[in-house]
């Protein structure tokens, strides 16, 4: 017997490209307010993307000024994620107006940092802003955007985040050879935040917030601005009533309701999807892209950052493709197929690193312990390759003229003797990395958020989304704070194979649990649990 479904507890969320009767009553041509909203959303999403992507190219230049250990590097990278998690305890609509100020403060602290402690504090502050941008801005958009425009704005926010990451990589390339260029990389992030700080105070509170404060007249006035003068008072009254009904239903749900199997299974599905999104290791490709490419043999920082740009552009382009094909292909189908491609790419990527680094050689206590394994030797900041002895030696106190490589501004860039297979191995490595990113963007990067919005009833949707998003950020923190340590212990090959094995396990759970939601009403989806 199918479980009873209360249809009043469900509201179908239109997918990209879908339309409804409300379209004729809303913003087919768009109002000034809506375009203004689009601009605000673009800045918020851009800041989110920029501040999460800029660390990739800034990490290596910072190392020259602060001589950080592996754990210190991981802490600088993961501090933003920790700040984002911490911001969840204080999130509220009023903080939308504060988000830009937080981005500015964080960017300036980073740009002017004179100590490692200031770096960590700056990253924490930026993370606080990122957390607000990731939670509050989408909520604000969902509460002020016209129904027919809501799905497109949510999609636009996702795309602009990836564009922000691309622009962060472009800025990294421009300042990669600049003295203390990392200061400019972080400081530039304050510019769009300053623009947002100017325009956000002119944005009204959402109608939902006004109704919660019993300011019905103000809510009607705001809705009139949203939909334009062409809609009737009856339509506005219906919107008010719809919002009130939605708020009443949301109050009906409690966390105890998740003890019911009917509600627990979709929550587990959402958490598994969010865990799979992060534990696949993708954000290591965003946070540590330049570092990974230096592991792959691109010893020059500018070259590694330039190639890393390919990773960001691939992510952006294939996210666009995902938006277009997701409704035609089906959420479950595209997720299962792209995860298979992603898993194969991870194993090929790990295999390429194993060949390139001549096996699975962890970080050694002494440079001499690397013996003749040059590729692994030069990944260690303490070591270089001796021309005379054709072996790994410590750079400290060693004659720089004997080190294979180049010296620029007192910094030694050590390399390995060329081998016939180097070109082929590097090509396979880059191809597998690109396929990994493309597969992720088509599936895990976008689909979990869509499915998550479609499997919960209104009374539990907000609470369930909060839990699942917390799982996402926690797994993000786990991956970001352990990647470099894992490559030291398990090597780059072992680390990517580890991500591949986890992805296989989570893929099995997804195949067994996740239903197809494309083209189905929320009550139909619920009946499957």
Protein backbone atom coordinates (compact mmCIF):
# COMPACT_ATOMS: atom_id res chain seq x y z
CA UNK A 1 0.00 0.00 0.00
CA UNK A 2 1.28 3.48 -0.89
CA UNK A 3 1.69 5.87 2.05
CA UNK A 4 -0.85 8.63 2.36
CA UNK A 5 0.43 11.93 1.00
CA UNK A 6 -1.01 15.26 2.05
CA UNK A 7 -0.84 17.22 -1.21
CA UNK A 8 -1.19 20.53 0.61
CA UNK A 9 2.26 19.90 2.06
CA UNK A 10 3.88 19.86 -1.36
CA UNK A 11 4.65 22.53 -3.88
CA UNK A 12 6.14 21.66 -7.25
CA UNK A 13 9.32 23.62 -7.94
CA UNK A 14 9.54 24.41 -11.67
CA UNK A 15 12.72 23.23 -13.31
CA UNK A 16 14.74 25.26 -15.74
CA UNK A 17 12.73 25.64 -18.92
CA UNK A 18 9.41 24.75 -17.31
CA UNK A 19 6.64 27.31 -17.27
CA UNK A 20 3.40 27.76 -15.40
CA UNK A 21 0.21 29.75 -15.57
CA UNK A 22 1.77 32.31 -13.29
CA UNK A 23 4.20 33.19 -16.08
CA UNK A 24 1.49 35.18 -17.79
CA UNK A 25 0.88 37.09 -14.60
CA UNK A 26 4.43 37.85 -13.64
CA UNK A 27 7.60 39.00 -15.30
CA UNK A 28 7.68 37.72 -18.86
CA UNK A 29 9.24 41.06 -19.83
CA UNK A 30 10.91 41.65 -16.48
CA UNK A 31 10.58 44.61 -14.16
CA UNK A 32 13.36 46.99 -13.14
CA UNK A 33 13.26 45.47 -9.67
CA UNK A 34 13.90 41.98 -11.06
CA UNK A 35 16.87 43.10 -13.14
CA UNK A 36 18.21 44.93 -10.11
CA UNK A 37 17.80 41.68 -8.16
CA UNK A 38 19.68 39.78 -10.88
CA UNK A 39 22.60 42.18 -10.55
CA UNK A 40 22.69 41.77 -6.77
CA UNK A 41 22.58 37.98 -7.07
CA UNK A 42 25.43 38.06 -9.58
CA UNK A 43 27.65 40.01 -7.19
CA UNK A 44 26.86 37.70 -4.26
CA UNK A 45 27.54 34.57 -6.31
CA UNK A 46 30.67 36.09 -7.82
CA UNK A 47 32.09 36.86 -4.38
CA UNK A 48 31.34 33.33 -3.21
CA UNK A 49 33.17 31.86 -6.20
CA UNK A 50 36.07 34.30 -6.14
CA UNK A 51 36.88 33.91 -2.46
CA UNK A 52 36.75 30.10 -2.62
CA UNK A 53 38.89 29.91 -5.78
CA UNK A 54 41.55 32.56 -5.16
CA UNK A 55 43.46 30.48 -2.60
CA UNK A 56 44.60 28.05 -5.32
CA UNK A 57 46.98 30.54 -6.91
CA UNK A 58 47.79 32.45 -3.71
CA UNK A 59 49.01 29.47 -1.68
CA UNK A 60 52.42 29.02 -3.33
CA UNK A 61 53.40 32.74 -3.32
CA UNK A 62 52.35 32.98 0.35
CA UNK A 63 54.73 30.14 1.11
CA UNK A 64 57.68 32.35 0.11
CA UNK A 65 56.70 35.00 2.66
CA UNK A 66 55.54 32.81 5.56
CA UNK A 67 57.33 29.43 5.12
CA UNK A 68 54.28 27.44 6.19
CA UNK A 69 54.27 23.78 7.16
CA UNK A 70 51.86 21.32 5.55
CA UNK A 71 49.40 21.64 8.43
CA UNK A 72 49.61 25.43 8.33
CA UNK A 73 48.81 25.45 4.60
CA UNK A 74 45.82 23.19 5.18
CA UNK A 75 44.61 25.45 7.98
CA UNK A 76 44.83 28.56 5.79
CA UNK A 77 42.86 26.80 3.05
CA UNK A 78 40.24 25.22 5.31
CA UNK A 79 39.78 28.28 7.53
CA UNK A 80 37.30 29.70 5.02
CA UNK A 81 35.22 26.52 5.18
CA UNK A 82 35.32 26.58 8.99
CA UNK A 83 34.21 30.21 8.94
CA UNK A 84 31.36 29.30 6.61
CA UNK A 85 30.18 26.56 9.00
CA UNK A 86 30.45 28.90 11.98
CA UNK A 87 28.37 31.58 10.20
CA UNK A 88 25.42 29.18 10.14
CA UNK A 89 24.88 29.77 13.86
CA UNK A 90 24.28 33.46 13.21
CA UNK A 91 22.58 33.38 9.81
CA UNK A 92 19.57 35.63 9.34
CA UNK A 93 18.12 37.87 6.65
CA UNK A 94 19.49 40.99 8.31
CA UNK A 95 22.99 39.64 7.67
CA UNK A 96 22.53 40.05 3.91
CA UNK A 97 23.38 43.71 4.43
CA UNK A 98 26.45 42.76 6.48
CA UNK A 99 27.83 40.16 4.05
CA UNK A 100 29.54 42.72 1.79
CA UNK A 101 31.17 44.41 4.79
CA UNK A 102 32.46 41.04 5.99
CA UNK A 103 33.96 40.30 2.55
CA UNK A 104 35.67 43.71 2.50
CA UNK A 105 37.12 43.31 5.99
CA UNK A 106 38.34 39.78 5.27
CA UNK A 107 39.91 40.79 1.92
CA UNK A 108 41.74 43.74 3.50
CA UNK A 109 43.00 41.68 6.46
CA UNK A 110 44.41 39.13 4.01
CA UNK A 111 45.92 41.74 1.69
CA UNK A 112 47.64 43.51 4.60
CA UNK A 113 48.60 40.40 6.58
CA UNK A 114 52.04 40.56 8.20
CA UNK A 115 51.84 37.27 10.10
CA UNK A 116 50.49 33.77 9.73
CA UNK A 117 47.88 34.48 12.42
CA UNK A 118 46.51 37.40 10.36
CA UNK A 119 46.23 35.10 7.34
CA UNK A 120 44.14 32.60 9.28
CA UNK A 121 41.96 35.35 10.78
CA UNK A 122 41.41 36.89 7.35
CA UNK A 123 40.42 33.53 5.86
CA UNK A 124 38.03 32.92 8.78
CA UNK A 125 36.39 36.32 8.22
CA UNK A 126 36.06 35.68 4.47
CA UNK A 127 34.62 32.25 5.30
CA UNK A 128 32.00 33.91 7.46
CA UNK A 129 30.98 35.97 4.41
CA UNK A 130 31.02 32.90 2.17
CA UNK A 131 28.73 31.08 4.59
CA UNK A 132 26.26 33.96 4.57
CA UNK A 133 26.39 34.18 0.77
CA UNK A 134 25.76 30.44 0.41
CA UNK A 135 22.82 30.35 2.82
CA UNK A 136 21.15 33.74 3.01
CA UNK A 137 21.33 35.06 -0.54
CA UNK A 138 19.57 32.02 -2.10
CA UNK A 139 16.90 32.24 0.63
CA UNK A 140 16.44 35.95 -0.01
CA UNK A 141 16.16 35.33 -3.77
CA UNK A 142 13.59 32.58 -3.26
CA UNK A 143 11.48 34.94 -1.15
CA UNK A 144 11.57 38.02 -3.39
CA UNK A 145 11.85 36.62 -6.93
CA UNK A 146 8.67 36.07 -8.98
CA UNK A 147 7.71 32.40 -9.21
CA UNK A 148 8.34 32.21 -12.95
CA UNK A 149 11.79 33.74 -12.51
CA UNK A 150 12.87 31.91 -9.36
CA UNK A 151 14.36 28.82 -11.00
CA UNK A 152 16.32 30.90 -13.50
CA UNK A 153 17.76 33.10 -10.74
CA UNK A 154 18.83 30.07 -8.69
CA UNK A 155 20.54 28.68 -11.79
CA UNK A 156 22.15 32.03 -12.52
CA UNK A 157 23.56 32.12 -8.99
CA UNK A 158 25.18 28.69 -9.53
CA UNK A 159 26.71 29.75 -12.84
CA UNK A 160 28.04 33.03 -11.49
CA UNK A 161 29.75 31.16 -8.63
CA UNK A 162 31.72 29.15 -11.20
CA UNK A 163 32.45 32.36 -13.13
CA UNK A 164 33.80 33.91 -9.92
CA UNK A 165 36.16 30.96 -9.57
CA UNK A 166 37.36 31.44 -13.16
CA UNK A 167 38.02 35.14 -12.56
CA UNK A 168 39.93 34.29 -9.37
CA UNK A 169 42.24 32.10 -11.46
CA UNK A 170 42.65 34.89 -14.04
CA UNK A 171 43.67 37.32 -11.28
CA UNK A 172 46.04 34.67 -9.93
CA UNK A 173 47.74 34.42 -13.34
CA UNK A 174 48.04 38.21 -13.72
CA UNK A 175 49.78 38.55 -10.35
CA UNK A 176 51.63 35.22 -10.31
CA UNK A 177 54.99 36.91 -11.03
CA UNK A 178 54.29 40.06 -8.99
CA UNK A 179 56.26 40.54 -5.79
CA UNK A 180 53.90 39.46 -2.96
CA UNK A 181 51.24 39.15 -5.65
CA UNK A 182 49.03 37.15 -3.31
CA UNK A 183 48.16 40.44 -1.56
CA UNK A 184 46.63 41.76 -4.77
CA UNK A 185 44.81 38.46 -5.33
CA UNK A 186 43.04 38.77 -2.00
CA UNK A 187 42.66 42.55 -2.04
CA UNK A 188 40.87 42.65 -5.40
CA UNK A 189 38.04 40.67 -3.81
CA UNK A 190 37.09 43.81 -1.88
CA UNK A 191 36.06 45.66 -5.08
CA UNK A 192 32.87 43.73 -5.94
CA UNK A 193 32.09 43.52 -2.22
CA UNK A 194 32.25 47.33 -2.03
CA UNK A 195 29.81 47.59 -4.97
CA UNK A 196 27.46 45.19 -3.20
CA UNK A 197 27.78 47.21 0.01
CA UNK A 198 26.53 50.29 -1.86
CA UNK A 199 23.52 48.70 -3.56
CA UNK A 200 22.27 46.14 -1.00
CA UNK A 201 20.82 48.72 1.47
CA UNK A 202 18.38 49.76 -1.26
CA UNK A 203 16.97 46.22 -1.51
CA UNK A 204 13.76 45.76 0.49
CA UNK A 205 13.15 43.07 3.06
CA UNK A 206 11.37 40.08 1.60
CA UNK A 207 7.55 39.94 1.63
CA UNK A 208 7.78 36.80 3.75
CA UNK A 209 9.81 38.65 6.40
CA UNK A 210 7.30 41.52 6.36
CA UNK A 211 4.35 39.14 6.74
CA UNK A 212 6.12 37.45 9.67
CA UNK A 213 6.23 40.89 11.31
CA UNK A 214 2.56 41.44 10.38
CA UNK A 215 3.47 44.31 8.02
CA UNK A 216 0.95 43.25 5.37
CA UNK A 217 0.72 46.66 3.64
CA UNK A 218 4.48 46.82 3.15
CA UNK A 219 4.48 43.25 1.87
CA UNK A 220 1.82 44.13 -0.71
CA UNK A 221 3.81 47.18 -1.81
CA UNK A 222 6.95 45.08 -2.27
CA UNK A 223 5.08 42.40 -4.22
CA UNK A 224 3.70 45.12 -6.49
CA UNK A 225 7.27 46.22 -7.24
CA UNK A 226 8.28 42.63 -7.89
CA UNK A 227 5.49 41.81 -10.34
CA UNK A 228 4.97 45.26 -11.82
CA UNK A 229 1.85 47.41 -12.24
CA UNK A 230 0.16 45.02 -14.68
CA UNK A 231 -0.94 42.49 -12.02
CA UNK A 232 -4.23 42.84 -10.18
CA UNK A 233 -4.81 43.39 -6.47
CA UNK A 234 -6.44 39.97 -6.41
CA UNK A 235 -3.21 38.39 -7.64
CA UNK A 236 -1.22 40.20 -4.91
CA UNK A 237 -3.73 39.07 -2.26
CA UNK A 238 -3.39 35.48 -3.49
CA UNK A 239 0.40 35.75 -3.17
CA UNK A 240 0.05 37.02 0.40
CA UNK A 241 -2.26 34.12 1.23
CA UNK A 242 0.10 31.63 -0.42
CA UNK A 243 3.05 32.92 1.62
CA UNK A 244 1.00 32.74 4.84
CA UNK A 245 -0.05 29.16 4.09
CA UNK A 246 3.55 28.22 3.36
CA UNK A 247 4.72 29.75 6.65
CA UNK A 248 2.00 27.93 8.58
CA UNK A 249 2.98 24.61 7.05
CA UNK A 250 6.66 25.24 7.77
CA UNK A 251 5.78 25.71 11.46
CA UNK A 252 4.09 22.31 11.52
CA UNK A 253 7.33 20.39 11.00
CA UNK A 254 9.82 19.51 13.73
CA UNK A 255 13.11 17.63 13.86
CA UNK A 256 11.34 14.79 15.65
CA UNK A 257 9.45 14.11 12.41
CA UNK A 258 12.66 12.73 10.91
CA UNK A 259 12.34 9.74 13.23
CA UNK A 260 9.53 8.63 10.93
CA UNK A 261 10.92 6.31 8.23
CA UNK A 262 8.84 8.13 5.62
CA UNK A 263 10.79 11.34 6.37
CA UNK A 264 14.11 9.76 7.36
CA UNK A 265 14.87 8.14 4.00
CA UNK A 266 14.76 11.35 1.92
CA UNK A 267 16.93 13.02 4.57
CA UNK A 268 19.48 10.19 4.28
CA UNK A 269 19.37 10.51 0.50
CA UNK A 270 20.05 14.25 0.67
CA UNK A 271 22.93 13.73 3.12
CA UNK A 272 24.46 10.96 0.98
CA UNK A 273 24.29 13.19 -2.10
CA UNK A 274 25.94 16.09 -0.29
CA UNK A 275 28.61 13.81 1.21
CA UNK A 276 29.31 12.35 -2.25
CA UNK A 277 29.67 15.86 -3.65
CA UNK A 278 32.50 16.68 -1.23
CA UNK A 279 34.12 13.31 -0.48
CA UNK A 280 34.77 12.80 -4.20
CA UNK A 281 37.61 15.23 -3.57
CA UNK A 282 36.55 17.79 -6.16
CA UNK A 283 37.26 20.83 -4.01
CA UNK A 284 40.90 19.77 -3.78
CA UNK A 285 40.96 20.57 -7.51
CA UNK A 286 39.58 24.04 -6.76
CA UNK A 287 41.51 24.87 -3.58
CA UNK A 288 44.80 23.17 -4.50
CA UNK A 289 44.71 23.23 -8.33
CA UNK A 290 48.05 25.01 -8.76
CA UNK A 291 49.64 22.77 -6.11
CA UNK A 292 48.31 19.61 -7.80
CA UNK A 293 49.69 20.74 -11.15
CA UNK A 294 53.07 21.42 -9.57
CA UNK A 295 52.93 17.82 -8.34
CA UNK A 296 52.24 16.89 -11.97
CA UNK A 297 55.47 18.54 -13.14
CA UNK A 298 54.49 22.17 -13.81
CA UNK A 299 57.17 23.59 -11.57
CA UNK A 300 56.79 27.24 -12.66
CA UNK A 301 54.03 28.89 -10.61
CA UNK A 302 52.66 30.92 -13.51
CA UNK A 303 52.46 27.84 -15.75
CA UNK A 304 50.75 25.75 -13.07
CA UNK A 305 48.23 28.56 -12.42
CA UNK A 306 47.62 28.98 -16.14
CA UNK A 307 46.87 25.27 -16.57
CA UNK A 308 44.74 25.40 -13.42
CA UNK A 309 42.56 27.94 -15.23
CA UNK A 310 41.55 25.10 -17.55
CA UNK A 311 40.11 23.29 -14.52
CA UNK A 312 37.97 26.29 -13.55
CA UNK A 313 36.78 26.96 -17.11
CA UNK A 314 35.89 23.27 -17.54
CA UNK A 315 33.84 23.41 -14.35
CA UNK A 316 31.97 26.51 -15.53
CA UNK A 317 31.28 25.25 -19.06
CA UNK A 318 30.03 21.82 -17.98
CA UNK A 319 27.89 23.35 -15.24
CA UNK A 320 26.19 25.34 -18.03
CA UNK A 321 25.69 22.12 -19.98
CA UNK A 322 24.24 20.41 -16.88
CA UNK A 323 21.68 23.20 -16.50
CA UNK A 324 20.55 22.69 -20.10
CA UNK A 325 20.35 18.88 -20.18
CA UNK A 326 19.28 17.97 -16.65
CA UNK A 327 15.52 17.96 -17.34
CA UNK A 328 15.88 16.16 -20.67
CA UNK A 329 18.25 13.50 -19.37
CA UNK A 330 16.84 12.97 -15.87
CA UNK A 331 18.48 13.66 -12.52
CA UNK A 332 19.15 10.06 -11.50
CA UNK A 333 20.38 8.96 -14.92
CA UNK A 334 22.84 11.82 -15.39
CA UNK A 335 24.11 11.42 -11.82
CA UNK A 336 24.79 7.68 -12.14
CA UNK A 337 26.47 7.96 -15.57
CA UNK A 338 28.65 10.97 -14.73
CA UNK A 339 29.76 9.43 -11.43
CA UNK A 340 31.01 6.37 -13.32
CA UNK A 341 33.03 8.65 -15.61
CA UNK A 342 34.28 10.61 -12.60
CA UNK A 343 35.38 7.46 -10.74
CA UNK A 344 37.28 6.12 -13.78
CA UNK A 345 38.94 9.51 -14.18
CA UNK A 346 40.00 9.48 -10.52
CA UNK A 347 41.66 6.08 -10.87
CA UNK A 348 43.39 7.08 -14.12
CA UNK A 349 44.52 10.33 -12.48
CA UNK A 350 45.96 8.39 -9.55
CA UNK A 351 47.66 5.95 -11.91
CA UNK A 352 49.21 8.81 -13.86
CA UNK A 353 50.63 10.26 -10.65
CA UNK A 354 51.98 6.82 -9.67
CA UNK A 355 53.84 6.53 -12.99
CA UNK A 356 54.99 10.16 -12.98
CA UNK A 357 56.29 9.95 -9.38
CA UNK A 358 57.80 6.50 -9.94
CA UNK A 359 55.65 4.64 -7.44
CA UNK A 360 54.03 5.27 -4.08
CA UNK A 361 56.72 7.13 -2.17
CA UNK A 362 55.55 9.11 0.88
CA UNK A 363 57.34 12.15 2.29
CA UNK A 364 60.69 11.20 3.84
CA UNK A 365 62.48 12.55 6.91
CA UNK A 366 65.68 13.13 4.92
CA UNK A 367 66.07 14.26 1.31
CA UNK A 368 68.67 11.55 0.73
CA UNK A 369 65.99 8.94 1.47
CA UNK A 370 64.33 9.71 -1.87
CA UNK A 371 67.51 8.26 -3.48
CA UNK A 372 66.93 8.28 -7.26
CA UNK A 373 63.23 9.15 -7.25
CA UNK A 374 63.55 12.65 -8.64
CA UNK A 375 59.84 13.37 -9.24
CA UNK A 376 59.03 12.75 -5.59
CA UNK A 377 62.19 14.47 -4.40
CA UNK A 378 61.42 17.88 -5.93
CA UNK A 379 57.89 17.92 -4.46
CA UNK A 380 59.56 18.30 -1.07
CA UNK A 381 60.31 22.02 -0.50
CA UNK A 382 63.48 21.08 1.37
CA UNK A 383 65.00 19.08 -1.47
CA UNK A 384 66.52 19.44 -4.94
CA UNK A 385 68.13 17.30 -7.60
CA UNK A 386 71.93 17.24 -7.67
CA UNK A 387 73.56 17.35 -11.12
CA UNK A 388 76.86 15.90 -9.89
CA UNK A 389 75.49 12.94 -7.90
CA UNK A 390 72.26 12.49 -9.91
CA UNK A 391 70.39 12.06 -6.63
CA UNK A 392 68.20 13.94 -4.17
CA UNK A 393 69.94 16.34 -1.82
CA UNK A 394 68.95 18.93 0.77
CA UNK A 395 68.83 22.51 -0.53
CA UNK A 396 69.98 23.83 2.83
CA UNK A 397 73.71 24.58 2.63
CA UNK A 398 74.09 22.97 -0.81
CA UNK A 399 75.79 24.70 -3.73
CA UNK A 400 72.95 26.13 -5.85
CA UNK A 401 74.97 25.71 -9.06
CA UNK A 402 74.76 21.94 -8.55
CA UNK A 403 70.94 21.97 -8.38
CA UNK A 404 69.14 21.13 -11.60
CA UNK A 405 66.70 23.96 -12.27
CA UNK A 406 66.64 27.74 -12.27
CA UNK A 407 67.16 30.57 -9.79
CA UNK A 408 64.93 33.64 -9.89
CA UNK A 409 65.07 36.41 -7.27
CA UNK A 410 66.93 34.05 -4.95
CA UNK A 411 64.29 31.30 -5.23
CA UNK A 412 65.32 27.91 -6.59
CA UNK A 413 62.92 26.10 -8.94
CA UNK A 414 64.34 22.60 -9.12
CA UNK A 415 63.37 20.18 -11.89
CA UNK A 416 64.11 16.62 -13.00
CA UNK A 417 66.07 15.35 -16.01
CA UNK A 418 63.75 14.90 -18.99
CA UNK A 419 62.48 11.39 -19.80
CA UNK A 420 60.91 10.13 -23.06
CA UNK A 421 57.61 9.23 -21.37
CA UNK A 422 57.14 12.58 -19.59
CA UNK A 423 55.03 14.19 -22.31
CA UNK A 424 52.62 11.25 -22.60
CA UNK A 425 52.20 10.86 -18.83
CA UNK A 426 51.54 14.59 -18.40
CA UNK A 427 48.99 14.54 -21.23
CA UNK A 428 47.12 11.59 -19.70
CA UNK A 429 47.23 13.25 -16.29
CA UNK A 430 45.78 16.52 -17.58
CA UNK A 431 43.15 14.73 -19.64
CA UNK A 432 42.01 12.61 -16.69
CA UNK A 433 41.92 15.70 -14.43
CA UNK A 434 39.81 17.57 -16.99
CA UNK A 435 37.44 14.60 -17.43
CA UNK A 436 37.15 14.32 -13.64
CA UNK A 437 36.13 17.98 -13.34
CA UNK A 438 33.76 17.80 -16.33
CA UNK A 439 32.02 14.68 -15.01
CA UNK A 440 31.66 16.24 -11.58
CA UNK A 441 30.19 19.48 -12.98
CA UNK A 442 27.64 17.55 -15.06
CA UNK A 443 26.49 15.43 -12.13
CA UNK A 444 27.55 15.79 -8.51
CA UNK A 445 28.24 19.51 -8.78
CA UNK A 446 24.64 20.43 -9.66
CA UNK A 447 22.23 17.49 -9.36
CA UNK A 448 22.26 17.04 -5.53
CA UNK A 449 20.93 20.57 -5.00
CA UNK A 450 18.12 19.99 -7.51
CA UNK A 451 17.09 16.63 -6.05
CA UNK A 452 17.32 18.02 -2.52
CA UNK A 453 14.78 20.71 -3.39
CA UNK A 454 12.32 18.11 -4.70
CA UNK A 455 12.09 15.32 -2.11
CA UNK A 456 10.87 17.06 1.05
CA UNK A 457 7.45 18.27 2.11
CA UNK A 458 7.09 21.97 2.90
CA UNK A 459 6.93 21.51 6.70
CA UNK A 460 10.31 19.76 6.70
CA UNK A 461 12.05 21.23 3.66
CA UNK A 462 13.90 24.04 5.43
CA UNK A 463 15.08 21.85 8.31
CA UNK A 464 16.13 19.02 5.99
CA UNK A 465 18.01 21.38 3.68
CA UNK A 466 19.82 22.82 6.69
CA UNK A 467 20.94 19.36 7.85
CA UNK A 468 22.06 18.29 4.38
CA UNK A 469 23.93 21.54 3.80
CA UNK A 470 25.70 21.11 7.15
CA UNK A 471 26.84 17.67 5.97
CA UNK A 472 28.16 19.30 2.79
CA UNK A 473 30.21 21.93 4.62
CA UNK A 474 31.51 19.42 7.17
CA UNK A 475 32.74 17.04 4.46
CA UNK A 476 34.20 20.04 2.61
CA UNK A 477 36.17 20.95 5.74
CA UNK A 478 37.36 17.36 6.16
CA UNK A 479 38.70 17.18 2.59
CA UNK A 480 40.24 20.67 2.53
CA UNK A 481 42.03 20.22 5.86
CA UNK A 482 43.59 16.82 5.07
CA UNK A 483 44.55 16.81 1.37
CA UNK A 484 48.21 17.85 1.66
CA UNK A 485 48.78 15.58 4.66
CA UNK A 486 47.26 12.67 2.74
CA UNK A 487 49.52 13.29 -0.26
CA UNK A 488 52.52 13.24 2.08
CA UNK A 489 51.48 9.94 3.67
CA UNK A 490 49.67 8.11 0.86
CA UNK A 491 51.17 10.05 -2.12
CA UNK A 492 49.06 11.92 -4.68
CA UNK A 493 48.23 8.63 -6.42
CA UNK A 494 47.00 6.98 -3.24
CA UNK A 495 44.98 10.05 -2.26
CA UNK A 496 43.05 10.22 -5.53
CA UNK A 497 42.48 6.46 -5.46
CA UNK A 498 41.14 6.87 -1.93
CA UNK A 499 38.64 9.47 -3.22
CA UNK A 500 37.77 7.05 -6.01
CA UNK A 501 37.06 4.19 -3.57
CA UNK A 502 34.82 6.40 -1.42
CA UNK A 503 32.98 7.50 -4.57
CA UNK A 504 32.40 3.87 -5.56
CA UNK A 505 30.78 3.17 -2.19
CA UNK A 506 28.60 6.29 -2.36
CA UNK A 507 27.69 5.53 -6.01
CA UNK A 508 26.30 2.16 -4.86
CA UNK A 509 24.16 3.90 -2.24
CA UNK A 510 22.93 6.41 -4.83
CA UNK A 511 21.99 3.62 -7.26
CA UNK A 512 20.05 1.82 -4.52
CA UNK A 513 18.35 4.81 -2.88
CA UNK A 514 17.96 7.84 -5.15
CA UNK A 515 14.71 7.94 -7.17
CA UNK A 516 14.17 9.73 -10.46
CA UNK A 517 12.53 13.08 -9.71
CA UNK A 518 12.50 14.65 -13.16
CA UNK A 519 8.99 15.32 -14.46
CA UNK A 520 7.31 14.04 -11.29
CA UNK A 521 5.25 15.95 -8.75
CA UNK A 522 6.51 16.12 -5.18
CA UNK A 523 3.63 13.99 -3.94
CA UNK A 524 4.56 11.29 -6.50
CA UNK A 525 8.17 11.40 -5.34
CA UNK A 526 7.11 11.17 -1.69
CA UNK A 527 5.01 8.08 -2.37
CA UNK A 528 8.21 6.18 -3.16
CA UNK A 529 9.61 6.55 0.37
